[in-house]
Amino acid sequence: MPIIRHEDIPAEQTRPGMKGRRILNKERGSATTTMGDSIMSPGAKIPLHTHQNEETIVVVEGTLDFIVGNEKKSCKPISTLFAPAGVPHSIINNSKADARILTFHPVHNPQTTWLEQ
């Protein structure tokens, strides 16, 4: 069983105010799961979007505001957000501190459909 040290994988800017890394994916030997590790700076946002597959997001550090479908929630560590397939969801860091999330979705996650920019 491989042990993957997150800090051994360089983080890249994925959105304004956000750095992330793919921890687990097909290239690292997973047949079914992709896992990401991201830091969201204050004010950083993942706009409203959908996926054809479900997504699970775990808040590890900080406080984040989520929209999933018609629900709006503020989540602190250790909280888990579940976005079913096709359900619009977004994340914003409205706090004054960085927040860290872990994301999980199928390794063959189809195209993301952005509903806002």
PDB file of N, CA and C in Angstrom:
ATOM      1  N   MET A   1       0.848  -1.170   0.000  1.00  0.00           N
ATOM      2  CA  MET A   1       0.000   0.000   0.000  1.00  0.00           C
ATOM      3  C   MET A   1       0.898   1.239   0.000  1.00  0.00           C
ATOM      4  N   PRO A   2       0.723   2.116  -1.000  1.00  0.00           N
ATOM      5  CA  PRO A   2       1.563   3.316  -1.025  1.00  0.00           C
ATOM      6  C   PRO A   2       1.111   4.343   0.014  1.00  0.00           C
ATOM      7  N   ILE A   3       2.078   5.030   0.574  1.00  0.00           N
ATOM      8  CA  ILE A   3       1.822   6.159   1.459  1.00  0.00           C
ATOM      9  C   ILE A   3       2.177   7.411   0.668  1.00  0.00           C
ATOM     10  N   ILE A   4       1.245   8.335   0.562  1.00  0.00           N
ATOM     11  CA  ILE A   4       1.478   9.550  -0.208  1.00  0.00           C
ATOM     12  C   ILE A   4       1.547  10.715   0.768  1.00  0.00           C
ATOM     13  N   ARG A   5       2.707  11.369   0.806  1.00  0.00           N
ATOM     14  CA  ARG A   5       2.869  12.549   1.664  1.00  0.00           C
ATOM     15  C   ARG A   5       2.419  13.772   0.867  1.00  0.00           C
ATOM     16  N   HIS A   6       1.385  14.429   1.335  1.00  0.00           N
ATOM     17  CA  HIS A   6       0.815  15.573   0.610  1.00  0.00           C
ATOM     18  C   HIS A   6       1.866  16.624   0.307  1.00  0.00           C
ATOM     19  N   GLU A   7       2.729  16.910   1.292  1.00  0.00           N
ATOM     20  CA  GLU A   7       3.724  17.968   1.094  1.00  0.00           C
ATOM     21  C   GLU A   7       4.780  17.610   0.049  1.00  0.00           C
ATOM     22  N   ASP A   8       4.859  16.352  -0.366  1.00  0.00           N
ATOM     23  CA  ASP A   8       5.806  15.952  -1.416  1.00  0.00           C
ATOM     24  C   ASP A   8       5.288  16.278  -2.817  1.00  0.00           C
ATOM     25  N   ILE A   9       4.019  16.665  -2.924  1.00  0.00           N
ATOM     26  CA  ILE A   9       3.420  16.994  -4.219  1.00  0.00           C
ATOM     27  C   ILE A   9       3.301  18.519  -4.299  1.00  0.00           C
ATOM     28  N   PRO A  10       3.928  19.138  -5.289  1.00  0.00           N
ATOM     29  CA  PRO A  10       3.868  20.596  -5.376  1.00  0.00           C
ATOM     30  C   PRO A  10       2.434  21.105  -5.552  1.00  0.00           C
ATOM     31  N   ALA A  11       2.102  22.158  -4.807  1.00  0.00           N
ATOM     32  CA  ALA A  11       0.793  22.808  -4.950  1.00  0.00           C
ATOM     33  C   ALA A  11       0.858  23.790  -6.110  1.00  0.00           C
ATOM     34  N   GLU A  12      -0.254  23.898  -6.825  1.00  0.00           N
ATOM     35  CA  GLU A  12      -0.362  24.825  -7.952  1.00  0.00           C
ATOM     36  C   GLU A  12      -1.582  25.712  -7.745  1.00  0.00           C
ATOM     37  N   GLN A  13      -1.530  26.917  -8.282  1.00  0.00           N
ATOM     38  CA  GLN A  13      -2.708  27.780  -8.210  1.00  0.00           C
ATOM     39  C   GLN A  13      -3.772  27.196  -9.129  1.00  0.00           C
ATOM     40  N   THR A  14      -4.948  26.933  -8.561  1.00  0.00           N
ATOM     41  CA  THR A  14      -6.036  26.322  -9.325  1.00  0.00           C
ATOM     42  C   THR A  14      -7.145  27.319  -9.647  1.00  0.00           C
ATOM     43  N   ARG A  15      -7.273  28.356  -8.825  1.00  0.00           N
ATOM     44  CA  ARG A  15      -8.235  29.447  -9.001  1.00  0.00           C
ATOM     45  C   ARG A  15      -7.629  30.647  -8.287  1.00  0.00           C
ATOM     46  N   PRO A  16      -8.147  31.837  -8.513  1.00  0.00           N
ATOM     47  CA  PRO A  16      -7.649  32.979  -7.745  1.00  0.00           C
ATOM     48  C   PRO A  16      -7.816  32.733  -6.242  1.00  0.00           C
ATOM     49  N   GLY A  17      -6.749  32.906  -5.487  1.00  0.00           N
ATOM     50  CA  GLY A  17      -6.791  32.721  -4.042  1.00  0.00           C
ATOM     51  C   GLY A  17      -6.822  31.278  -3.591  1.00  0.00           C
ATOM     52  N   MET A  18      -6.521  30.367  -4.487  1.00  0.00           N
ATOM     53  CA  MET A  18      -6.633  28.946  -4.156  1.00  0.00           C
ATOM     54  C   MET A  18      -5.466  28.159  -4.736  1.00  0.00           C
ATOM     55  N   LYS A  19      -4.832  27.345  -3.879  1.00  0.00           N
ATOM     56  CA  LYS A  19      -3.767  26.441  -4.319  1.00  0.00           C
ATOM     57  C   LYS A  19      -4.178  25.022  -3.985  1.00  0.00           C
ATOM     58  N   GLY A  20      -3.852  24.098  -4.878  1.00  0.00           N
ATOM     59  CA  GLY A  20      -4.242  22.718  -4.635  1.00  0.00           C
ATOM     60  C   GLY A  20      -3.295  21.733  -5.271  1.00  0.00           C
ATOM     61  N   ARG A  21      -3.497  20.479  -4.909  1.00  0.00           N
ATOM     62  CA  ARG A  21      -2.707  19.382  -5.463  1.00  0.00           C
ATOM     63  C   ARG A  21      -3.572  18.144  -5.559  1.00  0.00           C
ATOM     64  N   ARG A  22      -3.333  17.330  -6.584  1.00  0.00           N
ATOM     65  CA  ARG A  22      -3.992  16.027  -6.714  1.00  0.00           C
ATOM     66  C   ARG A  22      -3.163  15.037  -5.914  1.00  0.00           C
ATOM     67  N   ILE A  23      -3.760  14.494  -4.887  1.00  0.00           N
ATOM     68  CA  ILE A  23      -3.062  13.549  -4.020  1.00  0.00           C
ATOM     69  C   ILE A  23      -3.183  12.129  -4.560  1.00  0.00           C
ATOM     70  N   LEU A  24      -4.363  11.790  -4.999  1.00  0.00           N
ATOM     71  CA  LEU A  24      -4.626  10.439  -5.479  1.00  0.00           C
ATOM     72  C   LEU A  24      -5.397  10.534  -6.781  1.00  0.00           C
ATOM     73  N   ASN A  25      -4.951   9.791  -7.770  1.00  0.00           N
ATOM     74  CA  ASN A  25      -5.624   9.736  -9.070  1.00  0.00           C
ATOM     75  C   ASN A  25      -5.085   8.530  -9.836  1.00  0.00           C
ATOM     76  N   LYS A  26      -5.506   8.400 -11.058  1.00  0.00           N
ATOM     77  CA  LYS A  26      -5.101   7.261 -11.882  1.00  0.00           C
ATOM     78  C   LYS A  26      -3.579   7.180 -12.015  1.00  0.00           C
ATOM     79  N   GLU A  27      -2.932   8.355 -12.184  1.00  0.00           N
ATOM     80  CA  GLU A  27      -1.482   8.379 -12.333  1.00  0.00           C
ATOM     81  C   GLU A  27      -0.748   7.898 -11.083  1.00  0.00           C
ATOM     82  N   ARG A  28      -1.408   7.969  -9.928  1.00  0.00           N
ATOM     83  CA  ARG A  28      -0.797   7.515  -8.677  1.00  0.00           C
ATOM     84  C   ARG A  28      -1.330   6.141  -8.263  1.00  0.00           C
ATOM     85  N   GLY A  29      -1.996   5.460  -9.186  1.00  0.00           N
ATOM     86  CA  GLY A  29      -2.373   4.070  -8.951  1.00  0.00           C
ATOM     87  C   GLY A  29      -3.801   3.802  -8.543  1.00  0.00           C
ATOM     88  N   SER A  30      -4.644   4.822  -8.438  1.00  0.00           N
ATOM     89  CA  SER A  30      -6.032   4.594  -8.043  1.00  0.00           C
ATOM     90  C   SER A  30      -6.880   4.244  -9.258  1.00  0.00           C
ATOM     91  N   ALA A  31      -7.663   3.210  -9.130  1.00  0.00           N
ATOM     92  CA  ALA A  31      -8.537   2.788 -10.225  1.00  0.00           C
ATOM     93  C   ALA A  31      -9.892   3.490 -10.180  1.00  0.00           C
ATOM     94  N   THR A  32     -10.285   4.018  -8.994  1.00  0.00           N
ATOM     95  CA  THR A  32     -11.647   4.541  -8.877  1.00  0.00           C
ATOM     96  C   THR A  32     -11.788   5.909  -8.222  1.00  0.00           C
ATOM     97  N   THR A  33     -10.748   6.443  -7.595  1.00  0.00           N
ATOM     98  CA  THR A  33     -10.908   7.656  -6.804  1.00  0.00           C
ATOM     99  C   THR A  33      -9.875   8.724  -7.143  1.00  0.00           C
ATOM    100  N   THR A  34     -10.337   9.971  -7.165  1.00  0.00           N
ATOM    101  CA  THR A  34      -9.447  11.121  -7.213  1.00  0.00           C
ATOM    102  C   THR A  34      -9.616  11.871  -5.900  1.00  0.00           C
ATOM    103  N   MET A  35      -8.489  12.300  -5.321  1.00  0.00           N
ATOM    104  CA  MET A  35      -8.521  13.068  -4.084  1.00  0.00           C
ATOM    105  C   MET A  35      -7.669  14.307  -4.267  1.00  0.00           C
ATOM    106  N   GLY A  36      -8.213  15.452  -3.860  1.00  0.00           N
ATOM    107  CA  GLY A  36      -7.461  16.697  -3.911  1.00  0.00           C
ATOM    108  C   GLY A  36      -7.308  17.291  -2.529  1.00  0.00           C
ATOM    109  N   ASP A  37      -6.281  18.119  -2.361  1.00  0.00           N
ATOM    110  CA  ASP A  37      -5.998  18.822  -1.118  1.00  0.00           C
ATOM    111  C   ASP A  37      -5.800  20.284  -1.499  1.00  0.00           C
ATOM    112  N   SER A  38      -6.649  21.181  -0.994  1.00  0.00           N
ATOM    113  CA  SER A  38      -6.598  22.580  -1.412  1.00  0.00           C
ATOM    114  C   SER A  38      -6.645  23.532  -0.229  1.00  0.00           C
ATOM    115  N   ILE A  39      -5.976  24.679  -0.406  1.00  0.00           N
ATOM    116  CA  ILE A  39      -6.016  25.779   0.544  1.00  0.00           C
ATOM    117  C   ILE A  39      -6.754  26.927  -0.129  1.00  0.00           C
ATOM    118  N   MET A  40      -7.774  27.458   0.564  1.00  0.00           N
ATOM    119  CA  MET A  40      -8.538  28.602   0.059  1.00  0.00           C
ATOM    120  C   MET A  40      -8.230  29.812   0.929  1.00  0.00           C
ATOM    121  N   SER A  41      -7.678  30.861   0.325  1.00  0.00           N
ATOM    122  CA  SER A  41      -7.399  32.108   1.034  1.00  0.00           C
ATOM    123  C   SER A  41      -8.700  32.844   1.316  1.00  0.00           C
ATOM    124  N   PRO A  42      -8.680  33.801   2.255  1.00  0.00           N
ATOM    125  CA  PRO A  42      -9.880  34.606   2.488  1.00  0.00           C
ATOM    126  C   PRO A  42     -10.367  35.240   1.183  1.00  0.00           C
ATOM    127  N   GLY A  43     -11.663  35.145   0.932  1.00  0.00           N
ATOM    128  CA  GLY A  43     -12.265  35.686  -0.285  1.00  0.00           C
ATOM    129  C   GLY A  43     -12.257  34.748  -1.472  1.00  0.00           C
ATOM    130  N   ALA A  44     -11.518  33.640  -1.398  1.00  0.00           N
ATOM    131  CA  ALA A  44     -11.461  32.685  -2.516  1.00  0.00           C
ATOM    132  C   ALA A  44     -12.814  32.004  -2.681  1.00  0.00           C
ATOM    133  N   LYS A  45     -13.137  31.699  -3.938  1.00  0.00           N
ATOM    134  CA  LYS A  45     -14.449  31.119  -4.231  1.00  0.00           C
ATOM    135  C   LYS A  45     -14.341  30.076  -5.328  1.00  0.00           C
ATOM    136  N   ILE A  46     -15.061  28.981  -5.152  1.00  0.00           N
ATOM    137  CA  ILE A  46     -15.306  28.030  -6.230  1.00  0.00           C
ATOM    138  C   ILE A  46     -16.738  28.310  -6.671  1.00  0.00           C
ATOM    139  N   PRO A  47     -16.922  28.873  -7.869  1.00  0.00           N
ATOM    140  CA  PRO A  47     -18.266  29.282  -8.306  1.00  0.00           C
ATOM    141  C   PRO A  47     -19.238  28.105  -8.416  1.00  0.00           C
ATOM    142  N   LEU A  48     -20.503  28.436  -8.477  1.00  0.00           N
ATOM    143  CA  LEU A  48     -21.566  27.450  -8.609  1.00  0.00           C
ATOM    144  C   LEU A  48     -21.335  26.594  -9.852  1.00  0.00           C
ATOM    145  N   HIS A  49     -21.381  25.258  -9.651  1.00  0.00           N
ATOM    146  CA  HIS A  49     -21.118  24.326 -10.743  1.00  0.00           C
ATOM    147  C   HIS A  49     -21.756  22.978 -10.431  1.00  0.00           C
ATOM    148  N   THR A  50     -21.759  22.099 -11.413  1.00  0.00           N
ATOM    149  CA  THR A  50     -22.248  20.722 -11.236  1.00  0.00           C
ATOM    150  C   THR A  50     -21.240  19.749 -11.826  1.00  0.00           C
ATOM    151  N   HIS A  51     -21.379  18.496 -11.424  1.00  0.00           N
ATOM    152  CA  HIS A  51     -20.618  17.380 -12.000  1.00  0.00           C
ATOM    153  C   HIS A  51     -21.622  16.281 -12.343  1.00  0.00           C
ATOM    154  N   GLN A  52     -21.247  15.411 -13.251  1.00  0.00           N
ATOM    155  CA  GLN A  52     -22.105  14.277 -13.576  1.00  0.00           C
ATOM    156  C   GLN A  52     -21.985  13.173 -12.528  1.00  0.00           C
ATOM    157  N   ASN A  53     -20.955  13.251 -11.686  1.00  0.00           N
ATOM    158  CA  ASN A  53     -20.769  12.291 -10.600  1.00  0.00           C
ATOM    159  C   ASN A  53     -20.803  13.031  -9.270  1.00  0.00           C
ATOM    160  N   GLU A  54     -21.010  12.297  -8.193  1.00  0.00           N
ATOM    161  CA  GLU A  54     -21.030  12.903  -6.876  1.00  0.00           C
ATOM    162  C   GLU A  54     -19.639  13.381  -6.461  1.00  0.00           C
ATOM    163  N   GLU A  55     -19.616  14.311  -5.502  1.00  0.00           N
ATOM    164  CA  GLU A  55     -18.365  14.832  -4.959  1.00  0.00           C
ATOM    165  C   GLU A  55     -18.515  14.965  -3.452  1.00  0.00           C
ATOM    166  N   THR A  56     -17.452  14.635  -2.727  1.00  0.00           N
ATOM    167  CA  THR A  56     -17.419  14.781  -1.279  1.00  0.00           C
ATOM    168  C   THR A  56     -16.300  15.749  -0.939  1.00  0.00           C
ATOM    169  N   ILE A  57     -16.589  16.720  -0.070  1.00  0.00           N
ATOM    170  CA  ILE A  57     -15.616  17.726   0.330  1.00  0.00           C
ATOM    171  C   ILE A  57     -15.560  17.755   1.853  1.00  0.00           C
ATOM    172  N   VAL A  58     -14.356  17.619   2.411  1.00  0.00           N
ATOM    173  CA  VAL A  58     -14.150  17.644   3.854  1.00  0.00           C
ATOM    174  C   VAL A  58     -13.427  18.938   4.219  1.00  0.00           C
ATOM    175  N   VAL A  59     -14.005  19.706   5.140  1.00  0.00           N
ATOM    176  CA  VAL A  59     -13.343  20.897   5.663  1.00  0.00           C
ATOM    177  C   VAL A  59     -12.371  20.422   6.746  1.00  0.00           C
ATOM    178  N   VAL A  60     -11.083  20.661   6.521  1.00  0.00           N
ATOM    179  CA  VAL A  60     -10.044  20.220   7.452  1.00  0.00           C
ATOM    180  C   VAL A  60      -9.646  21.352   8.392  1.00  0.00           C
ATOM    181  N   GLU A  61      -9.526  22.570   7.840  1.00  0.00           N
ATOM    182  CA  GLU A  61      -9.155  23.740   8.642  1.00  0.00           C
ATOM    183  C   GLU A  61      -9.987  24.932   8.178  1.00  0.00           C
ATOM    184  N   GLY A  62     -10.290  25.831   9.092  1.00  0.00           N
ATOM    185  CA  GLY A  62     -10.986  27.062   8.732  1.00  0.00           C
ATOM    186  C   GLY A  62     -12.491  26.892   8.675  1.00  0.00           C
ATOM    187  N   THR A  63     -13.144  27.969   8.231  1.00  0.00           N
ATOM    188  CA  THR A  63     -14.598  27.998   8.095  1.00  0.00           C
ATOM    189  C   THR A  63     -14.945  28.389   6.669  1.00  0.00           C
ATOM    190  N   LEU A  64     -15.834  27.638   6.047  1.00  0.00           N
ATOM    191  CA  LEU A  64     -16.234  27.884   4.663  1.00  0.00           C
ATOM    192  C   LEU A  64     -17.750  27.928   4.557  1.00  0.00           C
ATOM    193  N   ASP A  65     -18.228  28.715   3.607  1.00  0.00           N
ATOM    194  CA  ASP A  65     -19.654  28.777   3.319  1.00  0.00           C
ATOM    195  C   ASP A  65     -19.929  27.970   2.056  1.00  0.00           C
ATOM    196  N   PHE A  66     -20.926  27.107   2.134  1.00  0.00           N
ATOM    197  CA  PHE A  66     -21.281  26.223   1.034  1.00  0.00           C
ATOM    198  C   PHE A  66     -22.698  26.502   0.561  1.00  0.00           C
ATOM    199  N   ILE A  67     -22.903  26.316  -0.717  1.00  0.00           N
ATOM    200  CA  ILE A  67     -24.241  26.208  -1.279  1.00  0.00           C
ATOM    201  C   ILE A  67     -24.297  24.842  -1.940  1.00  0.00           C
ATOM    202  N   VAL A  68     -25.303  24.053  -1.577  1.00  0.00           N
ATOM    203  CA  VAL A  68     -25.545  22.758  -2.219  1.00  0.00           C
ATOM    204  C   VAL A  68     -27.036  22.710  -2.514  1.00  0.00           C
ATOM    205  N   GLY A  69     -27.370  22.766  -3.800  1.00  0.00           N
ATOM    206  CA  GLY A  69     -28.779  22.828  -4.171  1.00  0.00           C
ATOM    207  C   GLY A  69     -29.384  24.103  -3.602  1.00  0.00           C
ATOM    208  N   ASN A  70     -30.433  23.972  -2.782  1.00  0.00           N
ATOM    209  CA  ASN A  70     -31.100  25.126  -2.176  1.00  0.00           C
ATOM    210  C   ASN A  70     -30.619  25.420  -0.756  1.00  0.00           C
ATOM    211  N   GLU A  71     -29.646  24.648  -0.267  1.00  0.00           N
ATOM    212  CA  GLU A  71     -29.162  24.825   1.104  1.00  0.00           C
ATOM    213  C   GLU A  71     -27.913  25.692   1.147  1.00  0.00           C
ATOM    214  N   LYS A  72     -27.844  26.566   2.156  1.00  0.00           N
ATOM    215  CA  LYS A  72     -26.648  27.356   2.428  1.00  0.00           C
ATOM    216  C   LYS A  72     -26.201  27.020   3.839  1.00  0.00           C
ATOM    217  N   LYS A  73     -24.918  26.668   3.995  1.00  0.00           N
ATOM    218  CA  LYS A  73     -24.392  26.283   5.304  1.00  0.00           C
ATOM    219  C   LYS A  73     -23.007  26.871   5.491  1.00  0.00           C
ATOM    220  N   SER A  74     -22.678  27.171   6.730  1.00  0.00           N
ATOM    221  CA  SER A  74     -21.322  27.532   7.112  1.00  0.00           C
ATOM    222  C   SER A  74     -20.741  26.304   7.802  1.00  0.00           C
ATOM    223  N   CYS A  75     -19.560  25.872   7.368  1.00  0.00           N
ATOM    224  CA  CYS A  75     -18.990  24.627   7.879  1.00  0.00           C
ATOM    225  C   CYS A  75     -17.611  24.859   8.475  1.00  0.00           C
ATOM    226  N   LYS A  76     -17.406  24.272   9.650  1.00  0.00           N
ATOM    227  CA  LYS A  76     -16.123  24.326  10.345  1.00  0.00           C
ATOM    228  C   LYS A  76     -15.503  22.935  10.317  1.00  0.00           C
ATOM    229  N   PRO A  77     -14.226  22.807  10.721  1.00  0.00           N
ATOM    230  CA  PRO A  77     -13.621  21.475  10.784  1.00  0.00           C
ATOM    231  C   PRO A  77     -14.356  20.633  11.821  1.00  0.00           C
ATOM    232  N   ILE A  78     -14.420  19.441  11.736  1.00  0.00           N
ATOM    233  CA  ILE A  78     -14.343  18.534  10.603  1.00  0.00           C
ATOM    234  C   ILE A  78     -15.775  18.331  10.139  1.00  0.00           C
ATOM    235  N   SER A  79     -16.133  18.980   9.034  1.00  0.00           N
ATOM    236  CA  SER A  79     -17.453  18.863   8.430  1.00  0.00           C
ATOM    237  C   SER A  79     -17.298  18.290   7.035  1.00  0.00           C
ATOM    238  N   THR A  80     -18.306  17.562   6.589  1.00  0.00           N
ATOM    239  CA  THR A  80     -18.277  16.962   5.259  1.00  0.00           C
ATOM    240  C   THR A  80     -19.474  17.436   4.458  1.00  0.00           C
ATOM    241  N   LEU A  81     -19.187  17.886   3.249  1.00  0.00           N
ATOM    242  CA  LEU A  81     -20.212  18.298   2.294  1.00  0.00           C
ATOM    243  C   LEU A  81     -20.341  17.191   1.267  1.00  0.00           C
ATOM    244  N   PHE A  82     -21.570  16.798   0.975  1.00  0.00           N
ATOM    245  CA  PHE A  82     -21.816  15.814  -0.074  1.00  0.00           C
ATOM    246  C   PHE A  82     -22.638  16.486  -1.157  1.00  0.00           C
ATOM    247  N   ALA A  83     -22.092  16.547  -2.371  1.00  0.00           N
ATOM    248  CA  ALA A  83     -22.805  17.113  -3.518  1.00  0.00           C
ATOM    249  C   ALA A  83     -23.201  15.963  -4.436  1.00  0.00           C
ATOM    250  N   PRO A  84     -24.476  15.583  -4.458  1.00  0.00           N
ATOM    251  CA  PRO A  84     -24.910  14.510  -5.358  1.00  0.00           C
ATOM    252  C   PRO A  84     -24.683  14.896  -6.822  1.00  0.00           C
ATOM    253  N   ALA A  85     -24.623  13.913  -7.662  1.00  0.00           N
ATOM    254  CA  ALA A  85     -24.449  14.148  -9.100  1.00  0.00           C
ATOM    255  C   ALA A  85     -25.516  15.102  -9.607  1.00  0.00           C
ATOM    256  N   GLY A  86     -25.092  16.098 -10.390  1.00  0.00           N
ATOM    257  CA  GLY A  86     -26.018  17.029 -11.015  1.00  0.00           C
ATOM    258  C   GLY A  86     -26.538  18.146 -10.135  1.00  0.00           C
ATOM    259  N   VAL A  87     -26.184  18.159  -8.846  1.00  0.00           N
ATOM    260  CA  VAL A  87     -26.677  19.194  -7.940  1.00  0.00           C
ATOM    261  C   VAL A  87     -25.693  20.366  -7.908  1.00  0.00           C
ATOM    262  N   PRO A  88     -26.166  21.584  -8.191  1.00  0.00           N
ATOM    263  CA  PRO A  88     -25.274  22.740  -8.170  1.00  0.00           C
ATOM    264  C   PRO A  88     -24.701  22.966  -6.764  1.00  0.00           C
ATOM    265  N   HIS A  89     -23.404  23.311  -6.713  1.00  0.00           N
ATOM    266  CA  HIS A  89     -22.745  23.589  -5.438  1.00  0.00           C
ATOM    267  C   HIS A  89     -21.620  24.594  -5.636  1.00  0.00           C
ATOM    268  N   SER A  90     -21.320  25.327  -4.564  1.00  0.00           N
ATOM    269  CA  SER A  90     -20.226  26.292  -4.585  1.00  0.00           C
ATOM    270  C   SER A  90     -19.652  26.412  -3.181  1.00  0.00           C
ATOM    271  N   ILE A  91     -18.438  26.991  -3.111  1.00  0.00           N
ATOM    272  CA  ILE A  91     -17.743  27.170  -1.838  1.00  0.00           C
ATOM    273  C   ILE A  91     -17.121  28.559  -1.848  1.00  0.00           C
ATOM    274  N   ILE A  92     -17.208  29.251  -0.702  1.00  0.00           N
ATOM    275  CA  ILE A  92     -16.528  30.541  -0.568  1.00  0.00           C
ATOM    276  C   ILE A  92     -15.935  30.651   0.833  1.00  0.00           C
ATOM    277  N   ASN A  93     -14.751  31.235   0.882  1.00  0.00           N
ATOM    278  CA  ASN A  93     -14.112  31.491   2.165  1.00  0.00           C
ATOM    279  C   ASN A  93     -14.405  32.936   2.541  1.00  0.00           C
ATOM    280  N   ASN A  94     -15.432  33.145   3.351  1.00  0.00           N
ATOM    281  CA  ASN A  94     -15.809  34.474   3.824  1.00  0.00           C
ATOM    282  C   ASN A  94     -15.112  34.846   5.127  1.00  0.00           C
ATOM    283  N   SER A  95     -14.225  33.982   5.603  1.00  0.00           N
ATOM    284  CA  SER A  95     -13.542  34.247   6.868  1.00  0.00           C
ATOM    285  C   SER A  95     -12.282  35.082   6.632  1.00  0.00           C
ATOM    286  N   LYS A  96     -11.560  35.359   7.695  1.00  0.00           N
ATOM    287  CA  LYS A  96     -10.324  36.141   7.611  1.00  0.00           C
ATOM    288  C   LYS A  96      -9.085  35.256   7.655  1.00  0.00           C
ATOM    289  N   ALA A  97      -9.273  33.929   7.564  1.00  0.00           N
ATOM    290  CA  ALA A  97      -8.152  32.988   7.647  1.00  0.00           C
ATOM    291  C   ALA A  97      -8.233  31.976   6.509  1.00  0.00           C
ATOM    292  N   ASP A  98      -7.094  31.372   6.198  1.00  0.00           N
ATOM    293  CA  ASP A  98      -7.077  30.307   5.200  1.00  0.00           C
ATOM    294  C   ASP A  98      -7.954  29.148   5.655  1.00  0.00           C
ATOM    295  N   ALA A  99      -8.454  28.400   4.692  1.00  0.00           N
ATOM    296  CA  ALA A  99      -9.221  27.183   4.967  1.00  0.00           C
ATOM    297  C   ALA A  99      -8.651  26.075   4.096  1.00  0.00           C
ATOM    298  N   ARG A 100      -8.735  24.857   4.577  1.00  0.00           N
ATOM    299  CA  ARG A 100      -8.207  23.705   3.845  1.00  0.00           C
ATOM    300  C   ARG A 100      -9.310  22.685   3.648  1.00  0.00           C
ATOM    301  N   ILE A 101      -9.387  22.160   2.410  1.00  0.00           N
ATOM    302  CA  ILE A 101     -10.389  21.139   2.098  1.00  0.00           C
ATOM    303  C   ILE A 101      -9.726  19.937   1.440  1.00  0.00           C
ATOM    304  N   LEU A 102     -10.331  18.799   1.634  1.00  0.00           N
ATOM    305  CA  LEU A 102      -9.997  17.579   0.893  1.00  0.00           C
ATOM    306  C   LEU A 102     -11.205  17.263   0.029  1.00  0.00           C
ATOM    307  N   THR A 103     -10.975  16.953  -1.247  1.00  0.00           N
ATOM    308  CA  THR A 103     -12.073  16.639  -2.168  1.00  0.00           C
ATOM    309  C   THR A 103     -11.921  15.214  -2.677  1.00  0.00           C
ATOM    310  N   PHE A 104     -13.055  14.549  -2.861  1.00  0.00           N
ATOM    311  CA  PHE A 104     -13.069  13.172  -3.348  1.00  0.00           C
ATOM    312  C   PHE A 104     -14.128  13.036  -4.435  1.00  0.00           C
ATOM    313  N   HIS A 105     -13.762  12.433  -5.553  1.00  0.00           N
ATOM    314  CA  HIS A 105     -14.726  12.135  -6.605  1.00  0.00           C
ATOM    315  C   HIS A 105     -14.202  10.966  -7.434  1.00  0.00           C
ATOM    316  N   PRO A 106     -15.058  10.370  -8.260  1.00  0.00           N
ATOM    317  CA  PRO A 106     -14.609   9.248  -9.080  1.00  0.00           C
ATOM    318  C   PRO A 106     -13.437   9.659  -9.965  1.00  0.00           C
ATOM    319  N   VAL A 107     -12.554   8.704 -10.210  1.00  0.00           N
ATOM    320  CA  VAL A 107     -11.357   8.993 -10.995  1.00  0.00           C
ATOM    321  C   VAL A 107     -11.701   9.473 -12.401  1.00  0.00           C
ATOM    322  N   HIS A 108     -12.810   9.018 -12.925  1.00  0.00           N
ATOM    323  CA  HIS A 108     -13.234   9.424 -14.269  1.00  0.00           C
ATOM    324  C   HIS A 108     -14.361  10.441 -14.158  1.00  0.00           C
ATOM    325  N   ASN A 109     -14.102  11.538 -13.445  1.00  0.00           N
ATOM    326  CA  ASN A 109     -15.121  12.573 -13.253  1.00  0.00           C
ATOM    327  C   ASN A 109     -15.293  13.340 -14.558  1.00  0.00           C
ATOM    328  N   PRO A 110     -16.469  13.278 -15.173  1.00  0.00           N
ATOM    329  CA  PRO A 110     -16.691  13.987 -16.419  1.00  0.00           C
ATOM    330  C   PRO A 110     -16.611  15.506 -16.268  1.00  0.00           C
ATOM    331  N   GLN A 111     -16.809  16.169 -17.308  1.00  0.00           N
ATOM    332  CA  GLN A 111     -16.727  17.628 -17.406  1.00  0.00           C
ATOM    333  C   GLN A 111     -17.516  18.336 -16.307  1.00  0.00           C
ATOM    334  N   THR A 112     -16.890  19.363 -15.736  1.00  0.00           N
ATOM    335  CA  THR A 112     -17.575  20.255 -14.808  1.00  0.00           C
ATOM    336  C   THR A 112     -18.383  21.251 -15.604  1.00  0.00           C
ATOM    337  N   THR A 113     -19.623  21.509 -15.206  1.00  0.00           N
ATOM    338  CA  THR A 113     -20.445  22.521 -15.857  1.00  0.00           C
ATOM    339  C   THR A 113     -20.511  23.719 -14.921  1.00  0.00           C
ATOM    340  N   TRP A 114     -19.907  24.834 -15.333  1.00  0.00           N
ATOM    341  CA  TRP A 114     -19.890  26.059 -14.525  1.00  0.00           C
ATOM    342  C   TRP A 114     -21.178  26.832 -14.750  1.00  0.00           C
ATOM    343  N   LEU A 115     -21.865  27.163 -13.661  1.00  0.00           N
ATOM    344  CA  LEU A 115     -23.130  27.882 -13.726  1.00  0.00           C
ATOM    345  C   LEU A 115     -22.946  29.371 -13.478  1.00  0.00           C
ATOM    346  N   GLU A 116     -21.782  29.731 -12.938  1.00  0.00           N
ATOM    347  CA  GLU A 116     -21.406  31.134 -12.745  1.00  0.00           C
ATOM    348  C   GLU A 116     -19.897  31.224 -12.805  1.00  0.00           C
ATOM    349  N   GLN A 117     -19.389  32.402 -12.980  1.00  0.00           N
ATOM    350  CA  GLN A 117     -17.929  32.581 -13.072  1.00  0.00           C
ATOM    351  C   GLN A 117     -17.368  33.117 -11.826  1.00  0.00           C
TER     352      GLN A 117
END
